[in-house]
C-alpha atoms as a PDB file:
ATOM      1  CA  MET A   1      53.375  11.171  -7.364  1.00  0.00           C
ATOM      2  CA  ASN A   2      50.813   9.161  -5.449  1.00  0.00           C
ATOM      3  CA  SER A   3      47.685   8.316  -7.428  1.00  0.00           C
ATOM      4  CA  GLY A   4      45.429   8.074  -4.389  1.00  0.00           C
ATOM      5  CA  ASN A   5      44.906   4.366  -5.058  1.00  0.00           C
ATOM      6  CA  GLU A   6      47.592   3.096  -2.726  1.00  0.00           C
ATOM      7  CA  GLY A   7      44.969   2.045  -0.172  1.00  0.00           C
ATOM      8  CA  THR A   8      43.245  -0.279  -2.645  1.00  0.00           C
ATOM      9  CA  GLU A   9      44.333  -3.758  -3.606  1.00  0.00           C
ATOM     10  CA  GLU A  10      44.993  -2.537  -7.137  1.00  0.00           C
ATOM     11  CA  GLY A  11      47.035   0.397  -5.818  1.00  0.00           C
ATOM     12  CA  ARG A  12      49.137  -1.847  -3.583  1.00  0.00           C
ATOM     13  CA  LYS A  13      50.000  -4.065  -6.563  1.00  0.00           C
ATOM     14  CA  HIS A  14      51.351  -1.061  -8.443  1.00  0.00           C
ATOM     15  CA  SER A  15      52.983   0.739  -5.545  1.00  0.00           C
ATOM     16  CA  GLY A  16      54.780  -2.264  -4.110  1.00  0.00           C
ATOM     17  CA  ALA A  17      53.065  -1.838  -0.735  1.00  0.00           C
ATOM     18  CA  LYS A  18      53.304  -4.885   1.498  1.00  0.00           C
ATOM     19  CA  GLY A  19      49.720  -4.658   2.695  1.00  0.00           C
ATOM     20  CA  VAL A  20      47.595  -2.734   5.092  1.00  0.00           C
ATOM     21  CA  HIS A  21      49.237  -1.984   8.409  1.00  0.00           C
ATOM     22  CA  MET A  22      46.710  -0.508  10.789  1.00  0.00           C
ATOM     23  CA  VAL A  23      47.706   1.172  14.026  1.00  0.00           C
ATOM     24  CA  GLU A  24      44.908   1.712  16.512  1.00  0.00           C
ATOM     25  CA  GLY A  25      44.073   5.389  16.894  1.00  0.00           C
ATOM     26  CA  CYS A  26      45.883   6.336  13.656  1.00  0.00           C
ATOM     27  CA  ARG A  27      44.713   7.096  10.128  1.00  0.00           C
ATOM     28  CA  ARG A  28      46.552   6.784   6.874  1.00  0.00           C
ATOM     29  CA  ILE A  29      47.302   9.990   4.993  1.00  0.00           C
ATOM     30  CA  LEU A  30      48.716  10.723   1.566  1.00  0.00           C
ATOM     31  CA  LEU A  31      51.976  12.668   1.364  1.00  0.00           C
ATOM     32  CA  SER A  32      53.559  14.080  -1.748  1.00  0.00           C
ATOM     33  CA  ASN A  33      56.761  12.402  -2.863  1.00  0.00           C
ATOM     34  CA  ASP A  34      58.681  15.637  -2.241  1.00  0.00           C
ATOM     35  CA  LEU A  35      57.449  15.893   1.339  1.00  0.00           C
ATOM     36  CA  LEU A  36      58.113  12.217   1.962  1.00  0.00           C
ATOM     37  CA  ASP A  37      61.663  12.642   0.608  1.00  0.00           C
ATOM     38  CA  ASP A  38      62.253  15.604   2.936  1.00  0.00           C
ATOM     39  CA  LEU A  39      60.931  13.666   5.922  1.00  0.00           C
ATOM     40  CA  GLY A  40      63.057  10.670   4.924  1.00  0.00           C
ATOM     41  CA  GLU A  41      66.146  12.893   4.913  1.00  0.00           C
ATOM     42  CA  LEU A  42      65.224  14.203   8.368  1.00  0.00           C
ATOM     43  CA  GLN A  43      64.629  10.624   9.521  1.00  0.00           C
ATOM     44  CA  ARG A  44      68.136   9.585   8.395  1.00  0.00           C
ATOM     45  CA  LYS A  45      69.612  12.396  10.507  1.00  0.00           C
ATOM     46  CA  THR A  46      67.809  11.519  13.752  1.00  0.00           C
ATOM     47  CA  GLN A  47      69.434   9.306  16.369  1.00  0.00           C
ATOM     48  CA  PRO A  48      67.837   7.065  17.372  1.00  0.00           C
ATOM     49  CA  ARG A  49      65.953   6.792  14.097  1.00  0.00           C
ATOM     50  CA  LEU A  50      62.320   7.808  14.510  1.00  0.00           C
ATOM     51  CA  ASP A  51      59.407   6.068  12.820  1.00  0.00           C
ATOM     52  CA  MET A  52      57.963   8.190  10.022  1.00  0.00           C
ATOM     53  CA  ARG A  53      54.549   8.494  11.704  1.00  0.00           C
ATOM     54  CA  TYR A  54      56.140  10.275  14.681  1.00  0.00           C
ATOM     55  CA  LEU A  55      57.963  12.696  12.393  1.00  0.00           C
ATOM     56  CA  VAL A  56      54.724  13.509  10.542  1.00  0.00           C
ATOM     57  CA  GLU A  57      52.764  13.899  13.770  1.00  0.00           C
ATOM     58  CA  GLY A  58      55.514  16.050  15.276  1.00  0.00           C
ATOM     59  CA  ALA A  59      55.704  18.292  12.198  1.00  0.00           C
ATOM     60  CA  ILE A  60      51.944  18.820  12.174  1.00  0.00           C
ATOM     61  CA  SER A  61      51.830  19.462  15.926  1.00  0.00           C
ATOM     62  CA  ALA A  62      54.706  21.961  15.727  1.00  0.00           C
ATOM     63  CA  LEU A  63      53.040  23.863  12.884  1.00  0.00           C
ATOM     64  CA  LEU A  64      49.686  23.993  14.611  1.00  0.00           C
ATOM     65  CA  ALA A  65      51.275  25.159  17.885  1.00  0.00           C
ATOM     66  CA  SER A  66      53.211  27.991  16.231  1.00  0.00           C
ATOM     67  CA  PRO A  67      51.631  31.432  15.853  1.00  0.00           C
ATOM     68  CA  GLY A  68      49.911  31.511  12.494  1.00  0.00           C
ATOM     69  CA  GLY A  69      50.801  27.859  11.881  1.00  0.00           C
ATOM     70  CA  LEU A  70      47.336  26.817  10.757  1.00  0.00           C
ATOM     71  CA  GLU A  71      47.179  29.722   8.305  1.00  0.00           C
ATOM     72  CA  LYS A  72      50.620  28.793   6.928  1.00  0.00           C
ATOM     73  CA  VAL A  73      49.509  25.188   6.405  1.00  0.00           C
ATOM     74  CA  ALA A  74      46.288  26.279   4.689  1.00  0.00           C
ATOM     75  CA  GLU A  75      48.123  28.750   2.415  1.00  0.00           C
ATOM     76  CA  HIS A  76      50.711  26.141   1.439  1.00  0.00           C
ATOM     77  CA  ALA A  77      47.896  23.680   0.680  1.00  0.00           C
ATOM     78  CA  ARG A  78      46.218  26.291  -1.542  1.00  0.00           C
ATOM     79  CA  GLN A  79      49.486  26.889  -3.418  1.00  0.00           C
ATOM     80  CA  ARG A  80      50.015  23.165  -3.990  1.00  0.00           C
ATOM     81  CA  LEU A  81      46.430  22.792  -5.207  1.00  0.00           C
ATOM     82  CA  ARG A  82      46.948  25.695  -7.642  1.00  0.00           C
ATOM     83  CA  GLN A  83      50.143  24.056  -8.934  1.00  0.00           C
ATOM     84  CA  GLN A  84      48.368  20.742  -9.475  1.00  0.00           C
ATOM     85  CA  LEU A  85      45.404  22.372 -11.202  1.00  0.00           C
ATOM     86  CA  ASP A  86      47.711  24.427 -13.429  1.00  0.00           C
ATOM     87  CA  LYS A  87      49.685  21.305 -14.341  1.00  0.00           C
ATOM     88  CA  HIS A  88      46.516  19.406 -15.302  1.00  0.00           C
ATOM     89  CA  ASN A  89      45.019  22.341 -17.232  1.00  0.00           C
ATOM     90  CA  THR A  90      48.016  22.846 -19.508  1.00  0.00           C
END
């Protein structure tokens, strides 16, 4: 699981990141390992292979454009937060 420190020099040393790669008009976001694995699997199935940032942007855009998409995203985020809090409180 990401510690949230991957954007720091210390975090890059531990995560094996090659350095900061900035793309104008884009921000870095943290993704859970599970979600990143799922997107990686989807990426392997696409031809031509799509850069991960386009898959993430496309997934977010598709969810937000679907009826009730924003509510689904918010509810899933609440569930994941509850899981994390439960894990840390036990």
